[in-house]
Amino acid sequence: MSVDDPLYFRQLLSGRDFATEDVVAGQMVNFVYLIGDRRTGEAVVVDPAYDVDAILGVLEADDMRCTGVLATHYHPDHVGGSMMGFDIVGARELLDRVSVPVHSQRDEAEFISRVTGIGGDDLVQHDSGDIVDVGAIGIELIHTPGHTPGSQCFLVDGRLVAGDTLFLEGCGRTDLPGGDAVALYDSLHNRLARVPDTAVLFPGHLYSEEPSASMGDTRRDNFVFTPRSEQQWLAMFGR
């Protein structure tokens, strides 16, 4: 990151950059993103989980402060809650440290509240196309259902933070509650179609050798873009 660039953007890997002693964090290899405005010192945390104190510590060390949370979707490895018998620290615990809004897609708000225990007063519900301003940095919210009903991606300054909607290799699974293969096809092939090839994809997990890649390379190399119709897509899923 150039010191002259007002955009503050950091990609943190669970089990390596934070939560280093957490076995679940190391196995799940989640990414947490910090996005902000260097000039004002404001930043949002995308998908806080596992060790919110360490995440906030990174911001503090960078002379930034948390002014909000962006949630890609409601699964506990992204926002906290109970998963596979483990209680994962997340957004609710972060709100115990700082009083900030949690920005969710409208269709996802109920699930986030149920999973994390966050009250409705702390959730800001959004529609696709809404802009969350962090200082003078605008982050566009893109509703991309499929992995969950209210999954959303964030587009900021040529970077697409995609959560579990799209990885460098593969995409989010659709066999969990709320998953919808047809909706995911539409999200990948239509809703994200306007994201240029020059944009850089930043996924929700490290499921590939590299942590990021251009959308052009992803569209060329990722098998999820091979089907040219919904029927071909469903056939790939054995449906």
C-alpha atoms as a PDB file:
ATOM      1  CA  MET A   1       0.000   0.000   0.000  1.00  0.00           C
ATOM      2  CA  SER A   2       1.378   3.398  -1.003  1.00  0.00           C
ATOM      3  CA  VAL A   3       1.514   5.936   1.781  1.00  0.00           C
ATOM      4  CA  ASP A   4       0.117   8.451  -0.737  1.00  0.00           C
ATOM      5  CA  ASP A   5      -2.959   6.302  -1.425  1.00  0.00           C
ATOM      6  CA  PRO A   6      -5.897   7.315   0.776  1.00  0.00           C
ATOM      7  CA  LEU A   7      -7.358   3.793   0.537  1.00  0.00           C
ATOM      8  CA  TYR A   8      -6.423   1.592   3.466  1.00  0.00           C
ATOM      9  CA  PHE A   9      -6.845  -2.087   2.529  1.00  0.00           C
ATOM     10  CA  ARG A  10      -5.503  -5.126   4.361  1.00  0.00           C
ATOM     11  CA  GLN A  11      -6.118  -8.833   3.904  1.00  0.00           C
ATOM     12  CA  LEU A  12      -5.615 -10.929   7.068  1.00  0.00           C
ATOM     13  CA  LEU A  13      -5.568 -14.730   7.129  1.00  0.00           C
ATOM     14  CA  SER A  14      -6.951 -16.573  10.149  1.00  0.00           C
ATOM     15  CA  GLY A  15      -4.474 -18.929  11.776  1.00  0.00           C
ATOM     16  CA  ARG A  16      -1.536 -17.009  10.298  1.00  0.00           C
ATOM     17  CA  ASP A  17      -2.022 -13.266  10.751  1.00  0.00           C
ATOM     18  CA  PHE A  18      -4.324 -13.541  13.762  1.00  0.00           C
ATOM     19  CA  ALA A  19      -5.887 -16.288  15.895  1.00  0.00           C
ATOM     20  CA  THR A  20      -2.631 -18.210  15.497  1.00  0.00           C
ATOM     21  CA  GLU A  21      -3.411 -20.558  18.398  1.00  0.00           C
ATOM     22  CA  ASP A  22      -6.964 -21.311  17.239  1.00  0.00           C
ATOM     23  CA  VAL A  23      -7.145 -24.726  15.564  1.00  0.00           C
ATOM     24  CA  VAL A  24     -10.501 -23.999  13.906  1.00  0.00           C
ATOM     25  CA  ALA A  25      -9.221 -20.697  12.535  1.00  0.00           C
ATOM     26  CA  GLY A  26      -6.200 -22.467  11.078  1.00  0.00           C
ATOM     27  CA  GLN A  27      -8.339 -25.125   9.462  1.00  0.00           C
ATOM     28  CA  MET A  28     -10.954 -22.769   8.037  1.00  0.00           C
ATOM     29  CA  VAL A  29      -8.385 -20.292   6.584  1.00  0.00           C
ATOM     30  CA  ASN A  30     -10.824 -17.379   6.564  1.00  0.00           C
ATOM     31  CA  PHE A  31      -9.821 -13.984   5.300  1.00  0.00           C
ATOM     32  CA  VAL A  32     -10.718 -10.850   7.226  1.00  0.00           C
ATOM     33  CA  TYR A  33     -10.462  -7.536   5.399  1.00  0.00           C
ATOM     34  CA  LEU A  34      -9.809  -4.052   6.751  1.00  0.00           C
ATOM     35  CA  ILE A  35     -10.949  -1.209   4.493  1.00  0.00           C
ATOM     36  CA  GLY A  36     -10.680   2.448   5.317  1.00  0.00           C
ATOM     37  CA  ASP A  37      -9.581   5.995   4.659  1.00  0.00           C
ATOM     38  CA  ARG A  38      -6.034   6.819   5.747  1.00  0.00           C
ATOM     39  CA  ARG A  39      -6.810  10.517   5.898  1.00  0.00           C
ATOM     40  CA  THR A  40      -9.572  10.173   8.500  1.00  0.00           C
ATOM     41  CA  GLY A  41      -8.350   7.002  10.214  1.00  0.00           C
ATOM     42  CA  GLU A  42     -11.752   5.334   9.796  1.00  0.00           C
ATOM     43  CA  ALA A  43     -11.994   1.670   8.805  1.00  0.00           C
ATOM     44  CA  VAL A  44     -14.515  -1.141   8.570  1.00  0.00           C
ATOM     45  CA  VAL A  45     -13.850  -4.794   9.308  1.00  0.00           C
ATOM     46  CA  VAL A  46     -15.189  -7.330   6.813  1.00  0.00           C
ATOM     47  CA  ASP A  47     -16.256 -10.614   8.440  1.00  0.00           C
ATOM     48  CA  PRO A  48     -14.667 -10.373  11.915  1.00  0.00           C
ATOM     49  CA  ALA A  49     -14.226 -13.800  13.496  1.00  0.00           C
ATOM     50  CA  TYR A  50     -11.995 -15.861  15.824  1.00  0.00           C
ATOM     51  CA  ASP A  51      -9.991 -13.072  17.507  1.00  0.00           C
ATOM     52  CA  VAL A  52     -11.526  -9.613  17.415  1.00  0.00           C
ATOM     53  CA  ASP A  53      -8.960  -8.209  19.850  1.00  0.00           C
ATOM     54  CA  ALA A  54      -6.141  -9.100  17.468  1.00  0.00           C
ATOM     55  CA  ILE A  55      -8.053  -7.643  14.518  1.00  0.00           C
ATOM     56  CA  LEU A  56      -8.658  -4.389  16.375  1.00  0.00           C
ATOM     57  CA  GLY A  57      -4.984  -4.472  17.396  1.00  0.00           C
ATOM     58  CA  VAL A  58      -3.935  -4.470  13.743  1.00  0.00           C
ATOM     59  CA  LEU A  59      -6.065  -1.377  13.149  1.00  0.00           C
ATOM     60  CA  GLU A  60      -4.616   0.344  16.177  1.00  0.00           C
ATOM     61  CA  ALA A  61      -1.053  -0.437  15.091  1.00  0.00           C
ATOM     62  CA  ASP A  62      -1.868   1.123  11.720  1.00  0.00           C
ATOM     63  CA  ASP A  63      -3.289   4.266  13.390  1.00  0.00           C
ATOM     64  CA  MET A  64      -6.790   3.319  12.247  1.00  0.00           C
ATOM     65  CA  ARG A  65      -9.995   2.869  14.223  1.00  0.00           C
ATOM     66  CA  CYS A  66     -12.986   0.620  13.615  1.00  0.00           C
ATOM     67  CA  THR A  67     -16.125   2.513  12.606  1.00  0.00           C
ATOM     68  CA  GLY A  68     -18.175  -0.372  11.260  1.00  0.00           C
ATOM     69  CA  VAL A  69     -18.515  -4.009  10.252  1.00  0.00           C
ATOM     70  CA  LEU A  70     -19.407  -5.380   6.822  1.00  0.00           C
ATOM     71  CA  ALA A  71     -20.841  -8.903   6.770  1.00  0.00           C
ATOM     72  CA  THR A  72     -20.655 -10.951   3.578  1.00  0.00           C
ATOM     73  CA  HIS A  73     -23.050 -13.563   5.005  1.00  0.00           C
ATOM     74  CA  TYR A  74     -24.235 -15.136   8.235  1.00  0.00           C
ATOM     75  CA  HIS A  75     -22.087 -18.265   8.583  1.00  0.00           C
ATOM     76  CA  PRO A  76     -20.288 -18.382  11.956  1.00  0.00           C
ATOM     77  CA  ASP A  77     -16.792 -18.648  10.483  1.00  0.00           C
ATOM     78  CA  HIS A  78     -17.397 -15.173   9.067  1.00  0.00           C
ATOM     79  CA  VAL A  79     -19.378 -13.358  11.766  1.00  0.00           C
ATOM     80  CA  GLY A  80     -19.164 -15.599  14.829  1.00  0.00           C
ATOM     81  CA  GLY A  81     -21.550 -17.996  16.498  1.00  0.00           C
ATOM     82  CA  SER A  82     -21.811 -21.727  17.021  1.00  0.00           C
ATOM     83  CA  MET A  83     -20.473 -24.077  14.334  1.00  0.00           C
ATOM     84  CA  MET A  84     -19.761 -27.814  14.505  1.00  0.00           C
ATOM     85  CA  GLY A  85     -19.787 -27.697  18.296  1.00  0.00           C
ATOM     86  CA  PHE A  86     -17.386 -24.739  18.475  1.00  0.00           C
ATOM     87  CA  ASP A  87     -18.282 -21.260  19.682  1.00  0.00           C
ATOM     88  CA  ILE A  88     -16.577 -18.753  17.410  1.00  0.00           C
ATOM     89  CA  VAL A  89     -15.919 -15.207  18.563  1.00  0.00           C
ATOM     90  CA  GLY A  90     -17.185 -12.651  16.067  1.00  0.00           C
ATOM     91  CA  ALA A  91     -19.187  -9.517  15.456  1.00  0.00           C
ATOM     92  CA  ARG A  92     -21.052  -9.566  18.783  1.00  0.00           C
ATOM     93  CA  GLU A  93     -17.808  -9.632  20.731  1.00  0.00           C
ATOM     94  CA  LEU A  94     -16.406  -6.863  18.547  1.00  0.00           C
ATOM     95  CA  LEU A  95     -19.418  -4.712  19.459  1.00  0.00           C
ATOM     96  CA  ASP A  96     -18.539  -5.260  23.115  1.00  0.00           C
ATOM     97  CA  ARG A  97     -15.264  -3.432  22.384  1.00  0.00           C
ATOM     98  CA  VAL A  98     -16.526  -0.714  20.022  1.00  0.00           C
ATOM     99  CA  SER A  99     -20.036   0.533  19.362  1.00  0.00           C
ATOM    100  CA  VAL A 100     -20.338   0.451  15.575  1.00  0.00           C
ATOM    101  CA  PRO A 101     -22.998  -0.514  13.012  1.00  0.00           C
ATOM    102  CA  VAL A 102     -22.991  -3.914  11.321  1.00  0.00           C
ATOM    103  CA  HIS A 103     -23.886  -3.584   7.642  1.00  0.00           C
ATOM    104  CA  SER A 104     -25.760  -6.548   6.181  1.00  0.00           C
ATOM    105  CA  GLN A 105     -27.773  -7.304   3.097  1.00  0.00           C
ATOM    106  CA  ARG A 106     -31.481  -6.998   3.868  1.00  0.00           C
ATOM    107  CA  ASP A 107     -32.218 -10.684   3.181  1.00  0.00           C
ATOM    108  CA  GLU A 108     -29.401 -11.732   5.522  1.00  0.00           C
ATOM    109  CA  ALA A 109     -30.088  -9.533   8.556  1.00  0.00           C
ATOM    110  CA  GLU A 110     -32.429 -11.947  10.323  1.00  0.00           C
ATOM    111  CA  PHE A 111     -29.948 -14.814   9.999  1.00  0.00           C
ATOM    112  CA  ILE A 112     -27.017 -12.722  11.220  1.00  0.00           C
ATOM    113  CA  SER A 113     -29.015 -11.634  14.245  1.00  0.00           C
ATOM    114  CA  ARG A 114     -30.050 -15.208  15.008  1.00  0.00           C
ATOM    115  CA  VAL A 115     -26.557 -16.686  14.641  1.00  0.00           C
ATOM    116  CA  THR A 116     -24.590 -13.972  16.429  1.00  0.00           C
ATOM    117  CA  GLY A 117     -27.095 -12.634  18.957  1.00  0.00           C
ATOM    118  CA  ILE A 118     -26.649  -9.094  17.626  1.00  0.00           C
ATOM    119  CA  GLY A 119     -29.750  -6.979  18.184  1.00  0.00           C
ATOM    120  CA  GLY A 120     -31.649  -5.377  15.360  1.00  0.00           C
ATOM    121  CA  ASP A 121     -30.628  -1.894  16.494  1.00  0.00           C
ATOM    122  CA  ASP A 122     -26.999  -2.727  15.681  1.00  0.00           C
ATOM    123  CA  LEU A 123     -27.753  -3.969  12.159  1.00  0.00           C
ATOM    124  CA  VAL A 124     -28.008  -1.647   9.173  1.00  0.00           C
ATOM    125  CA  GLN A 125     -29.917  -3.381   6.387  1.00  0.00           C
ATOM    126  CA  HIS A 126     -28.935  -2.647   2.797  1.00  0.00           C
ATOM    127  CA  ASP A 127     -30.100  -3.245  -0.728  1.00  0.00           C
ATOM    128  CA  SER A 128     -27.869  -4.084  -3.673  1.00  0.00           C
ATOM    129  CA  GLY A 129     -26.143  -1.008  -5.017  1.00  0.00           C
ATOM    130  CA  ASP A 130     -26.003   0.805  -1.692  1.00  0.00           C
ATOM    131  CA  ILE A 131     -22.759   2.612  -0.873  1.00  0.00           C
ATOM    132  CA  VAL A 132     -21.168   2.499   2.569  1.00  0.00           C
ATOM    133  CA  ASP A 133     -18.886   5.482   3.028  1.00  0.00           C
ATOM    134  CA  VAL A 134     -15.786   5.101   5.195  1.00  0.00           C
ATOM    135  CA  GLY A 135     -14.340   8.577   5.349  1.00  0.00           C
ATOM    136  CA  ALA A 136     -14.247   9.539   1.675  1.00  0.00           C
ATOM    137  CA  ILE A 137     -13.925   5.910   0.528  1.00  0.00           C
ATOM    138  CA  GLY A 138     -17.097   4.503  -0.994  1.00  0.00           C
ATOM    139  CA  ILE A 139     -17.737   0.749  -0.806  1.00  0.00           C
ATOM    140  CA  GLU A 140     -20.451  -0.593  -3.118  1.00  0.00           C
ATOM    141  CA  LEU A 141     -22.562  -3.484  -1.843  1.00  0.00           C
ATOM    142  CA  ILE A 142     -23.577  -6.080  -4.446  1.00  0.00           C
ATOM    143  CA  HIS A 143     -26.229  -8.643  -3.495  1.00  0.00           C
ATOM    144  CA  THR A 144     -25.039 -12.058  -4.715  1.00  0.00           C
ATOM    145  CA  PRO A 145     -27.402 -14.750  -3.406  1.00  0.00           C
ATOM    146  CA  GLY A 146     -26.686 -18.430  -3.867  1.00  0.00           C
ATOM    147  CA  HIS A 147     -24.347 -19.487  -1.089  1.00  0.00           C
ATOM    148  CA  THR A 148     -26.871 -17.903   1.280  1.00  0.00           C
ATOM    149  CA  PRO A 149     -29.970 -15.826   0.486  1.00  0.00           C
ATOM    150  CA  GLY A 150     -28.337 -12.540   1.446  1.00  0.00           C
ATOM    151  CA  SER A 151     -24.712 -13.060   0.503  1.00  0.00           C
ATOM    152  CA  GLN A 152     -23.084  -9.851  -0.674  1.00  0.00           C
ATOM    153  CA  CYS A 153     -19.815  -8.743  -2.235  1.00  0.00           C
ATOM    154  CA  PHE A 154     -18.042  -5.423  -1.769  1.00  0.00           C
ATOM    155  CA  LEU A 155     -16.530  -3.420  -4.612  1.00  0.00           C
ATOM    156  CA  VAL A 156     -14.011  -0.720  -3.710  1.00  0.00           C
ATOM    157  CA  ASP A 157     -11.393   0.924  -5.900  1.00  0.00           C
ATOM    158  CA  GLY A 158     -10.970  -1.974  -8.316  1.00  0.00           C
ATOM    159  CA  ARG A 159     -11.110  -4.647  -5.610  1.00  0.00           C
ATOM    160  CA  LEU A 160     -13.925  -7.171  -5.199  1.00  0.00           C
ATOM    161  CA  VAL A 161     -14.220  -8.681  -1.710  1.00  0.00           C
ATOM    162  CA  ALA A 162     -16.367 -11.694  -2.494  1.00  0.00           C
ATOM    163  CA  GLY A 163     -16.868 -13.644   0.736  1.00  0.00           C
ATOM    164  CA  ASP A 164     -17.949 -17.173  -0.149  1.00  0.00           C
ATOM    165  CA  THR A 165     -19.678 -16.208  -3.383  1.00  0.00           C
ATOM    166  CA  LEU A 166     -16.559 -16.679  -5.500  1.00  0.00           C
ATOM    167  CA  PHE A 167     -13.099 -18.101  -4.898  1.00  0.00           C
ATOM    168  CA  LEU A 168     -10.127 -18.150  -7.224  1.00  0.00           C
ATOM    169  CA  GLU A 169     -10.876 -21.839  -7.665  1.00  0.00           C
ATOM    170  CA  GLY A 170     -14.537 -22.763  -7.295  1.00  0.00           C
ATOM    171  CA  CYS A 171     -17.377 -20.969  -5.539  1.00  0.00           C
ATOM    172  CA  GLY A 172     -19.468 -21.213  -2.391  1.00  0.00           C
ATOM    173  CA  ARG A 173     -21.360 -24.429  -1.804  1.00  0.00           C
ATOM    174  CA  THR A 174     -25.129 -24.468  -2.240  1.00  0.00           C
ATOM    175  CA  ASP A 175     -26.042 -27.582  -0.273  1.00  0.00           C
ATOM    176  CA  LEU A 176     -26.288 -25.798   3.081  1.00  0.00           C
ATOM    177  CA  PRO A 177     -29.553 -24.269   4.385  1.00  0.00           C
ATOM    178  CA  GLY A 178     -30.499 -21.322   2.211  1.00  0.00           C
ATOM    179  CA  GLY A 179     -28.215 -22.364  -0.637  1.00  0.00           C
ATOM    180  CA  ASP A 180     -29.572 -22.004  -4.156  1.00  0.00           C
ATOM    181  CA  ALA A 181     -27.589 -23.205  -7.179  1.00  0.00           C
ATOM    182  CA  VAL A 182     -29.705 -21.298  -9.694  1.00  0.00           C
ATOM    183  CA  ALA A 183     -29.322 -18.062  -7.719  1.00  0.00           C
ATOM    184  CA  LEU A 184     -25.564 -18.563  -7.525  1.00  0.00           C
ATOM    185  CA  TYR A 185     -25.351 -19.033 -11.287  1.00  0.00           C
ATOM    186  CA  ASP A 186     -27.169 -15.738 -11.751  1.00  0.00           C
ATOM    187  CA  SER A 187     -24.897 -14.016  -9.226  1.00  0.00           C
ATOM    188  CA  LEU A 188     -21.686 -15.208 -10.864  1.00  0.00           C
ATOM    189  CA  HIS A 189     -22.692 -14.842 -14.497  1.00  0.00           C
ATOM    190  CA  ASN A 190     -25.025 -11.854 -14.368  1.00  0.00           C
ATOM    191  CA  ARG A 191     -24.823  -9.817 -11.154  1.00  0.00           C
ATOM    192  CA  LEU A 192     -21.026  -9.790 -11.159  1.00  0.00           C
ATOM    193  CA  ALA A 193     -20.762  -9.461 -14.930  1.00  0.00           C
ATOM    194  CA  ARG A 194     -20.233  -5.700 -14.742  1.00  0.00           C
ATOM    195  CA  VAL A 195     -17.182  -6.104 -12.477  1.00  0.00           C
ATOM    196  CA  PRO A 196     -14.330  -5.516 -14.940  1.00  0.00           C
ATOM    197  CA  ASP A 197     -11.654  -8.073 -15.707  1.00  0.00           C
ATOM    198  CA  THR A 198      -9.097  -5.616 -14.334  1.00  0.00           C
ATOM    199  CA  ALA A 199     -10.658  -5.745 -10.853  1.00  0.00           C
ATOM    200  CA  VAL A 200      -8.847  -7.917  -8.308  1.00  0.00           C
ATOM    201  CA  LEU A 201     -10.783 -10.696  -6.587  1.00  0.00           C
ATOM    202  CA  PHE A 202     -10.260 -11.100  -2.842  1.00  0.00           C
ATOM    203  CA  PRO A 203     -12.095 -14.248  -1.614  1.00  0.00           C
ATOM    204  CA  GLY A 204     -13.409 -15.234   1.796  1.00  0.00           C
ATOM    205  CA  HIS A 205     -11.041 -18.229   2.205  1.00  0.00           C
ATOM    206  CA  LEU A 206      -7.577 -19.235   1.058  1.00  0.00           C
ATOM    207  CA  TYR A 207      -8.696 -22.169  -1.087  1.00  0.00           C
ATOM    208  CA  SER A 208      -6.027 -21.600  -3.734  1.00  0.00           C
ATOM    209  CA  GLU A 209      -2.290 -21.119  -3.913  1.00  0.00           C
ATOM    210  CA  GLU A 210      -2.592 -17.366  -4.356  1.00  0.00           C
ATOM    211  CA  PRO A 211      -4.652 -15.095  -2.072  1.00  0.00           C
ATOM    212  CA  SER A 212      -6.009 -12.919  -4.902  1.00  0.00           C
ATOM    213  CA  ALA A 213      -6.220 -12.725  -8.680  1.00  0.00           C
ATOM    214  CA  SER A 214      -7.695 -10.511 -11.353  1.00  0.00           C
ATOM    215  CA  MET A 215     -11.284 -11.147 -12.335  1.00  0.00           C
ATOM    216  CA  GLY A 216     -10.070 -11.700 -15.883  1.00  0.00           C
ATOM    217  CA  ASP A 217      -7.766 -14.523 -14.793  1.00  0.00           C
ATOM    218  CA  THR A 218     -10.489 -15.938 -12.557  1.00  0.00           C
ATOM    219  CA  ARG A 219     -13.041 -15.945 -15.351  1.00  0.00           C
ATOM    220  CA  ARG A 220     -10.503 -17.672 -17.614  1.00  0.00           C
ATOM    221  CA  ASP A 221      -9.249 -20.276 -15.136  1.00  0.00           C
ATOM    222  CA  ASN A 222     -12.073 -20.967 -12.689  1.00  0.00           C
ATOM    223  CA  PHE A 223     -14.273 -23.878 -13.790  1.00  0.00           C
ATOM    224  CA  VAL A 224     -17.422 -22.173 -12.475  1.00  0.00           C
ATOM    225  CA  PHE A 225     -17.354 -19.909 -15.521  1.00  0.00           C
ATOM    226  CA  THR A 226     -17.247 -22.827 -17.980  1.00  0.00           C
ATOM    227  CA  PRO A 227     -21.036 -23.414 -18.166  1.00  0.00           C
ATOM    228  CA  ARG A 228     -22.707 -21.118 -20.669  1.00  0.00           C
ATOM    229  CA  SER A 229     -26.262 -21.743 -19.558  1.00  0.00           C
ATOM    230  CA  GLU A 230     -28.215 -22.443 -16.405  1.00  0.00           C
ATOM    231  CA  GLN A 231     -28.838 -25.974 -17.663  1.00  0.00           C
ATOM    232  CA  GLN A 232     -25.122 -26.654 -18.098  1.00  0.00           C
ATOM    233  CA  TRP A 233     -24.509 -25.181 -14.655  1.00  0.00           C
ATOM    234  CA  LEU A 234     -27.054 -27.464 -12.992  1.00  0.00           C
ATOM    235  CA  ALA A 235     -25.636 -30.456 -14.854  1.00  0.00           C
ATOM    236  CA  MET A 236     -22.262 -29.653 -13.323  1.00  0.00           C
ATOM    237  CA  PHE A 237     -23.954 -29.998  -9.937  1.00  0.00           C
ATOM    238  CA  GLY A 238     -25.526 -33.305 -10.999  1.00  0.00           C
ATOM    239  CA  ARG A 239     -29.030 -31.874 -11.171  1.00  0.00           C
END
